[in-house]
């Protein structure tokens, strides 16, 4: 049986995945990069250093292929997006490791991108969309984009048709979370705080900003921090931030679906795992929404491994 290996070294996680020729997941290794307490992320140089260390740890573990399997192809996310100007140094670590692995095994190496990795793993985990053309909403620590997405032989063609005009939804969550004293990345901690919110009367509300397919989160960031400074409860502000994001997304997704005539929507990226955002969109949008399992919303390399398989079979 053939094995396909994927590498993805993002701003948040070192990831290696292996799938077999049926698309079944054989190995899913991830190591989250460490951020100092009170920090809001890592410099690229620090991310590169941690990725190198993490891949060394991975190589020293008992992550071995079953005896009957042989490597057929290797792929890596070599940049954030499938755009000519897209580049981040952290992705060179996974790319170089993947190139070495492919050369040693004597098998093809394929380039892909972090965004296509998210899309492929989302399709694999979420069970759709099945159509050739669909809308992808990429919500992560550094990205809030609406993408017209078309399948092709190398992965996906994407066209940005909307998203944030300033900071991403993930940055809003992290910046407000750090202001509350939460550990970075703050998404899971903010969601747990929101779970504790009481029945405020009136409830805490943060105005959302959305026009057409564009949204903005810098204003909500300022509003949330002012509420905290004024003594508003962390739990109430946490829930207000999440519903602000959800309302903004519902508005821009509805507009994008109407403009494009596309009503199949794939949600990817770590922020899309939030239960408040998921629930609000499912209740308020008249489209077919596909959500990956929560563990495949966060950064991983499963999609990269699946793209290695797809590219190899299309040779």
Protein backbone atom coordinates (compact mmCIF):
# COMPACT_ATOMS: atom_id res chain seq x y z
CA UNK A 1 0.00 0.00 0.00
CA UNK A 2 1.23 3.49 -0.84
CA UNK A 3 1.72 6.31 1.65
CA UNK A 4 1.59 10.06 1.04
CA UNK A 5 3.30 12.49 3.42
CA UNK A 6 2.38 16.13 4.01
CA UNK A 7 4.32 18.85 5.88
CA UNK A 8 2.92 22.20 7.06
CA UNK A 9 4.95 24.59 9.23
CA UNK A 10 2.66 27.54 9.90
CA UNK A 11 2.86 30.49 12.27
CA UNK A 12 1.19 28.37 14.95
CA UNK A 13 1.91 24.66 14.51
CA UNK A 14 4.46 22.14 13.21
CA UNK A 15 2.43 19.49 11.37
CA UNK A 16 3.20 16.21 9.59
CA UNK A 17 0.52 13.87 8.26
CA UNK A 18 0.45 10.59 6.36
CA UNK A 19 -2.49 9.15 4.41
CA UNK A 20 -2.77 5.90 2.49
CA UNK A 21 -3.96 5.57 -1.11
CA UNK A 22 -7.60 5.43 0.01
CA UNK A 23 -7.30 8.74 1.87
CA UNK A 24 -7.34 7.12 5.30
CA UNK A 25 -5.32 9.02 7.89
CA UNK A 26 -2.35 6.97 9.12
CA UNK A 27 -0.47 9.60 11.14
CA UNK A 28 -1.33 13.10 12.36
CA UNK A 29 1.58 14.73 14.21
CA UNK A 30 1.23 18.29 15.48
CA UNK A 31 3.23 20.42 17.88
CA UNK A 32 1.90 23.88 18.74
CA UNK A 33 4.54 26.62 18.79
CA UNK A 34 5.14 28.14 22.21
CA UNK A 35 4.37 31.81 22.82
CA UNK A 36 5.56 33.63 25.95
CA UNK A 37 2.87 34.47 28.50
CA UNK A 38 1.24 37.75 27.50
CA UNK A 39 2.56 37.52 23.94
CA UNK A 40 0.41 37.90 20.83
CA UNK A 41 2.36 35.65 18.50
CA UNK A 42 5.89 34.87 17.37
CA UNK A 43 8.45 36.55 15.17
CA UNK A 44 9.15 34.57 12.01
CA UNK A 45 12.71 33.82 13.15
CA UNK A 46 11.45 32.32 16.41
CA UNK A 47 8.86 30.30 14.53
CA UNK A 48 11.54 28.91 12.21
CA UNK A 49 13.69 27.90 15.19
CA UNK A 50 10.80 26.12 16.93
CA UNK A 51 9.80 24.29 13.74
CA UNK A 52 13.33 22.95 13.32
CA UNK A 53 13.31 21.71 16.92
CA UNK A 54 9.85 20.16 16.57
CA UNK A 55 10.73 18.29 13.39
CA UNK A 56 13.79 16.93 15.18
CA UNK A 57 11.55 15.67 17.99
CA UNK A 58 9.20 14.13 15.42
CA UNK A 59 12.09 12.34 13.71
CA UNK A 60 13.18 10.91 17.05
CA UNK A 61 9.81 9.38 17.93
CA UNK A 62 8.40 6.04 16.92
CA UNK A 63 6.43 7.49 14.02
CA UNK A 64 7.04 4.75 11.51
CA UNK A 65 5.12 3.53 8.49
CA UNK A 66 3.57 0.07 8.75
CA UNK A 67 5.87 -2.47 7.12
CA UNK A 68 3.63 -3.07 4.11
CA UNK A 69 3.52 0.63 3.18
CA UNK A 70 5.96 2.57 1.00
CA UNK A 71 6.20 6.30 0.38
CA UNK A 72 4.77 7.29 -3.01
CA UNK A 73 4.95 11.10 -2.82
CA UNK A 74 5.60 14.01 -0.45
CA UNK A 75 4.08 17.50 -0.40
CA UNK A 76 4.53 20.64 1.68
CA UNK A 77 2.80 23.95 2.19
CA UNK A 78 5.46 26.30 0.81
CA UNK A 79 3.62 29.60 1.37
CA UNK A 80 0.41 30.92 2.92
CA UNK A 81 -1.75 31.35 -0.21
CA UNK A 82 -1.73 30.32 -3.89
CA UNK A 83 -0.73 33.85 -4.93
CA UNK A 84 2.59 34.89 -6.55
CA UNK A 85 3.43 37.46 -3.85
CA UNK A 86 2.60 35.16 -0.92
CA UNK A 87 5.59 34.30 1.31
CA UNK A 88 6.48 33.57 4.94
CA UNK A 89 9.83 32.20 6.14
CA UNK A 90 8.25 29.65 8.51
CA UNK A 91 7.00 27.58 5.57
CA UNK A 92 10.54 27.03 4.26
CA UNK A 93 11.23 24.67 7.18
CA UNK A 94 8.50 22.23 6.19
CA UNK A 95 9.32 22.64 2.50
CA UNK A 96 12.98 21.77 3.00
CA UNK A 97 12.18 18.80 5.25
CA UNK A 98 9.71 17.52 2.66
CA UNK A 99 12.19 17.94 -0.19
CA UNK A 100 14.79 15.95 1.74
CA UNK A 101 12.27 13.20 2.56
CA UNK A 102 11.21 12.96 -1.09
CA UNK A 103 14.80 12.89 -2.33
CA UNK A 104 15.84 10.17 0.13
CA UNK A 105 12.79 8.07 -0.77
CA UNK A 106 13.26 8.71 -4.49
CA UNK A 107 9.68 9.93 -4.94
CA UNK A 108 8.06 13.09 -6.33
CA UNK A 109 7.78 16.28 -4.27
CA UNK A 110 4.81 18.59 -4.76
CA UNK A 111 4.34 22.19 -3.66
CA UNK A 112 1.05 23.40 -2.25
CA UNK A 113 -0.04 26.19 0.11
CA UNK A 114 -1.32 26.51 3.66
CA UNK A 115 -4.68 27.77 2.43
CA UNK A 116 -5.16 24.87 0.00
CA UNK A 117 -4.17 22.50 2.82
CA UNK A 118 -7.01 23.94 4.96
CA UNK A 119 -9.47 23.63 2.08
CA UNK A 120 -8.55 20.02 1.31
CA UNK A 121 -8.63 18.90 4.95
CA UNK A 122 -11.93 20.74 5.35
CA UNK A 123 -13.47 18.90 2.40
CA UNK A 124 -12.11 15.59 3.71
CA UNK A 125 -13.40 16.10 7.25
CA UNK A 126 -16.57 18.07 6.51
CA UNK A 127 -17.90 15.78 3.80
CA UNK A 128 -18.29 18.49 1.19
CA UNK A 129 -19.02 20.53 -0.78
CA UNK A 130 -19.00 18.05 -3.67
CA UNK A 131 -19.32 20.71 -6.37
CA UNK A 132 -16.40 21.86 -8.49
CA UNK A 133 -17.05 25.50 -7.51
CA UNK A 134 -17.90 26.66 -4.00
CA UNK A 135 -17.32 29.41 -1.45
CA UNK A 136 -14.60 28.97 1.18
CA UNK A 137 -14.52 31.10 4.31
CA UNK A 138 -11.01 30.96 5.80
CA UNK A 139 -11.00 32.08 9.44
CA UNK A 140 -7.74 31.73 11.32
CA UNK A 141 -5.32 33.63 13.52
CA UNK A 142 -4.11 35.79 10.66
CA UNK A 143 -6.76 35.36 7.96
CA UNK A 144 -10.38 36.30 7.37
CA UNK A 145 -11.08 35.77 3.67
CA UNK A 146 -14.01 34.80 1.48
CA UNK A 147 -12.76 32.78 -1.47
CA UNK A 148 -14.43 31.73 -4.67
CA UNK A 149 -12.91 28.26 -4.93
CA UNK A 150 -12.58 25.97 -7.95
CA UNK A 151 -11.05 22.50 -7.90
CA UNK A 152 -8.16 21.80 -10.28
CA UNK A 153 -5.52 19.12 -10.87
CA UNK A 154 -2.96 20.76 -8.58
CA UNK A 155 -5.30 21.63 -5.72
CA UNK A 156 -7.56 24.66 -5.89
CA UNK A 157 -7.89 27.92 -7.73
CA UNK A 158 -9.00 30.69 -5.39
CA UNK A 159 -10.17 34.26 -5.90
CA UNK A 160 -10.53 36.57 -2.91
CA UNK A 161 -13.98 38.13 -3.08
CA UNK A 162 -14.22 39.54 0.43
CA UNK A 163 -13.02 39.46 4.00
CA UNK A 164 -11.62 41.82 6.58
CA UNK A 165 -10.29 45.26 5.75
CA UNK A 166 -7.99 45.33 8.78
CA UNK A 167 -7.37 42.74 11.50
CA UNK A 168 -8.66 39.18 11.20
CA UNK A 169 -11.34 37.55 13.34
CA UNK A 170 -8.58 35.50 14.98
CA UNK A 171 -6.58 38.63 15.81
CA UNK A 172 -9.67 40.17 17.41
CA UNK A 173 -10.09 37.07 19.58
CA UNK A 174 -6.40 36.97 20.50
CA UNK A 175 -5.98 40.69 21.21
CA UNK A 176 -9.06 40.87 23.41
CA UNK A 177 -8.09 37.58 25.05
CA UNK A 178 -4.58 38.78 25.87
CA UNK A 179 -6.09 42.00 27.29
CA UNK A 180 -8.12 39.73 29.60
CA UNK A 181 -4.96 37.90 30.68
CA UNK A 182 -5.67 34.74 28.67
CA UNK A 183 -2.91 32.61 27.15
CA UNK A 184 -2.18 32.88 23.42
CA UNK A 185 -3.74 31.58 21.22
CA UNK A 186 -6.89 32.66 23.04
CA UNK A 187 -9.72 31.05 21.06
CA UNK A 188 -10.49 28.07 23.32
CA UNK A 189 -10.07 30.17 26.48
CA UNK A 190 -12.40 32.90 25.20
CA UNK A 191 -15.02 30.30 24.29
CA UNK A 192 -14.89 28.83 27.80
CA UNK A 193 -15.29 32.32 29.27
CA UNK A 194 -18.32 32.90 27.05
CA UNK A 195 -19.82 29.68 28.43
CA UNK A 196 -19.81 31.30 31.87
CA UNK A 197 -21.64 34.47 30.78
CA UNK A 198 -24.80 35.12 32.76
CA UNK A 199 -28.07 36.58 31.55
CA UNK A 200 -26.90 40.20 31.54
CA UNK A 201 -29.80 42.67 31.39
CA UNK A 202 -29.19 44.35 29.07
CA UNK A 203 -26.68 41.90 27.54
CA UNK A 204 -23.24 43.13 26.53
CA UNK A 205 -23.19 43.95 22.82
CA UNK A 206 -20.40 44.96 20.49
CA UNK A 207 -21.43 46.52 17.20
CA UNK A 208 -20.36 44.65 14.08
CA UNK A 209 -19.08 46.36 10.92
CA UNK A 210 -19.97 44.80 7.56
CA UNK A 211 -20.51 46.32 4.13
CA UNK A 212 -21.02 44.14 1.08
CA UNK A 213 -18.49 41.32 1.35
CA UNK A 214 -16.11 43.36 3.52
CA UNK A 215 -15.94 43.53 7.28
CA UNK A 216 -13.77 45.23 9.89
CA UNK A 217 -12.69 44.11 13.35
CA UNK A 218 -10.47 46.96 14.57
CA UNK A 219 -13.49 48.92 15.82
CA UNK A 220 -14.86 45.94 17.77
CA UNK A 221 -11.38 45.44 19.29
CA UNK A 222 -11.37 49.02 20.61
CA UNK A 223 -14.96 48.69 21.86
CA UNK A 224 -14.22 45.42 23.68
CA UNK A 225 -11.15 46.85 25.41
CA UNK A 226 -13.10 49.95 26.51
CA UNK A 227 -15.80 47.71 27.99
CA UNK A 228 -13.15 45.84 29.97
CA UNK A 229 -11.57 49.10 31.18
CA UNK A 230 -15.03 50.27 32.29
CA UNK A 231 -15.39 47.19 34.48
CA UNK A 232 -17.61 45.04 32.26
CA UNK A 233 -17.39 41.32 33.03
CA UNK A 234 -14.86 39.28 31.07
CA UNK A 235 -17.49 36.62 30.47
CA UNK A 236 -19.96 39.07 28.96
CA UNK A 237 -17.32 40.69 26.76
CA UNK A 238 -16.09 37.27 25.61
CA UNK A 239 -19.56 36.29 24.44
CA UNK A 240 -20.11 39.71 22.85
CA UNK A 241 -16.89 39.40 20.84
CA UNK A 242 -17.89 36.00 19.47
CA UNK A 243 -21.38 37.13 18.49
CA UNK A 244 -19.94 40.27 16.89
CA UNK A 245 -17.76 38.04 14.70
CA UNK A 246 -20.70 35.75 13.94
CA UNK A 247 -23.01 38.60 12.88
CA UNK A 248 -20.32 40.13 10.68
CA UNK A 249 -19.64 36.80 8.99
CA UNK A 250 -23.33 36.07 8.44
CA UNK A 251 -23.70 39.40 6.64
CA UNK A 252 -20.70 39.04 4.31
CA UNK A 253 -21.34 35.35 3.56
CA UNK A 254 -24.97 36.04 2.63
CA UNK A 255 -23.84 38.84 0.30
CA UNK A 256 -21.14 36.66 -1.30
CA UNK A 257 -23.57 33.80 -1.92
CA UNK A 258 -26.06 36.18 -3.54
CA UNK A 259 -23.44 37.84 -5.76
CA UNK A 260 -21.86 34.61 -6.98
CA UNK A 261 -24.95 32.42 -7.05
CA UNK A 262 -23.02 29.91 -4.92
CA UNK A 263 -24.78 28.41 -1.92
CA UNK A 264 -22.29 25.73 -0.89
CA UNK A 265 -19.97 27.17 1.76
CA UNK A 266 -16.94 25.50 3.34
CA UNK A 267 -15.76 26.93 6.66
CA UNK A 268 -12.06 26.37 7.46
CA UNK A 269 -9.45 27.64 9.92
CA UNK A 270 -9.25 27.55 13.69
CA UNK A 271 -11.84 30.26 14.36
CA UNK A 272 -14.49 28.28 12.46
CA UNK A 273 -14.41 25.63 15.20
CA UNK A 274 -16.02 28.05 17.68
CA UNK A 275 -19.45 26.73 18.69
CA UNK A 276 -21.03 30.17 19.04
CA UNK A 277 -19.99 31.21 15.55
CA UNK A 278 -21.03 27.86 14.08
CA UNK A 279 -24.41 27.92 15.78
CA UNK A 280 -25.20 31.49 14.73
CA UNK A 281 -24.29 30.88 11.09
CA UNK A 282 -26.29 27.65 10.93
CA UNK A 283 -29.36 29.43 12.34
CA UNK A 284 -29.13 32.59 10.25
CA UNK A 285 -27.80 31.65 6.80
CA UNK A 286 -29.85 30.18 3.97
CA UNK A 287 -27.05 28.14 2.41
CA UNK A 288 -25.39 24.73 2.73
CA UNK A 289 -22.65 25.08 5.34
CA UNK A 290 -19.87 22.51 5.70
CA UNK A 291 -17.78 22.51 8.87
CA UNK A 292 -14.80 20.19 9.44
CA UNK A 293 -14.51 18.44 12.78
CA UNK A 294 -13.03 20.86 15.29
CA UNK A 295 -9.65 19.09 15.35
CA UNK A 296 -9.27 19.63 11.59
CA UNK A 297 -10.17 23.33 11.72
CA UNK A 298 -6.90 24.11 13.49
CA UNK A 299 -3.59 23.93 11.64
CA UNK A 300 -2.66 20.45 10.41
CA UNK A 301 -1.00 18.74 7.45
CA UNK A 302 -3.76 16.30 6.49
CA UNK A 303 -4.81 18.37 3.49
CA UNK A 304 -1.22 18.59 2.30
CA UNK A 305 -0.88 14.79 2.43
CA UNK A 306 -4.15 14.42 0.50
CA UNK A 307 -2.91 16.89 -2.12
CA UNK A 308 0.27 14.79 -2.46
CA UNK A 309 -1.97 11.81 -3.23
CA UNK A 310 -4.10 13.77 -5.70
CA UNK A 311 -1.10 15.22 -7.53
CA UNK A 312 0.64 11.83 -7.70
CA UNK A 313 -2.42 10.11 -9.15
CA UNK A 314 -2.75 12.86 -11.77
CA UNK A 315 0.81 12.46 -13.07
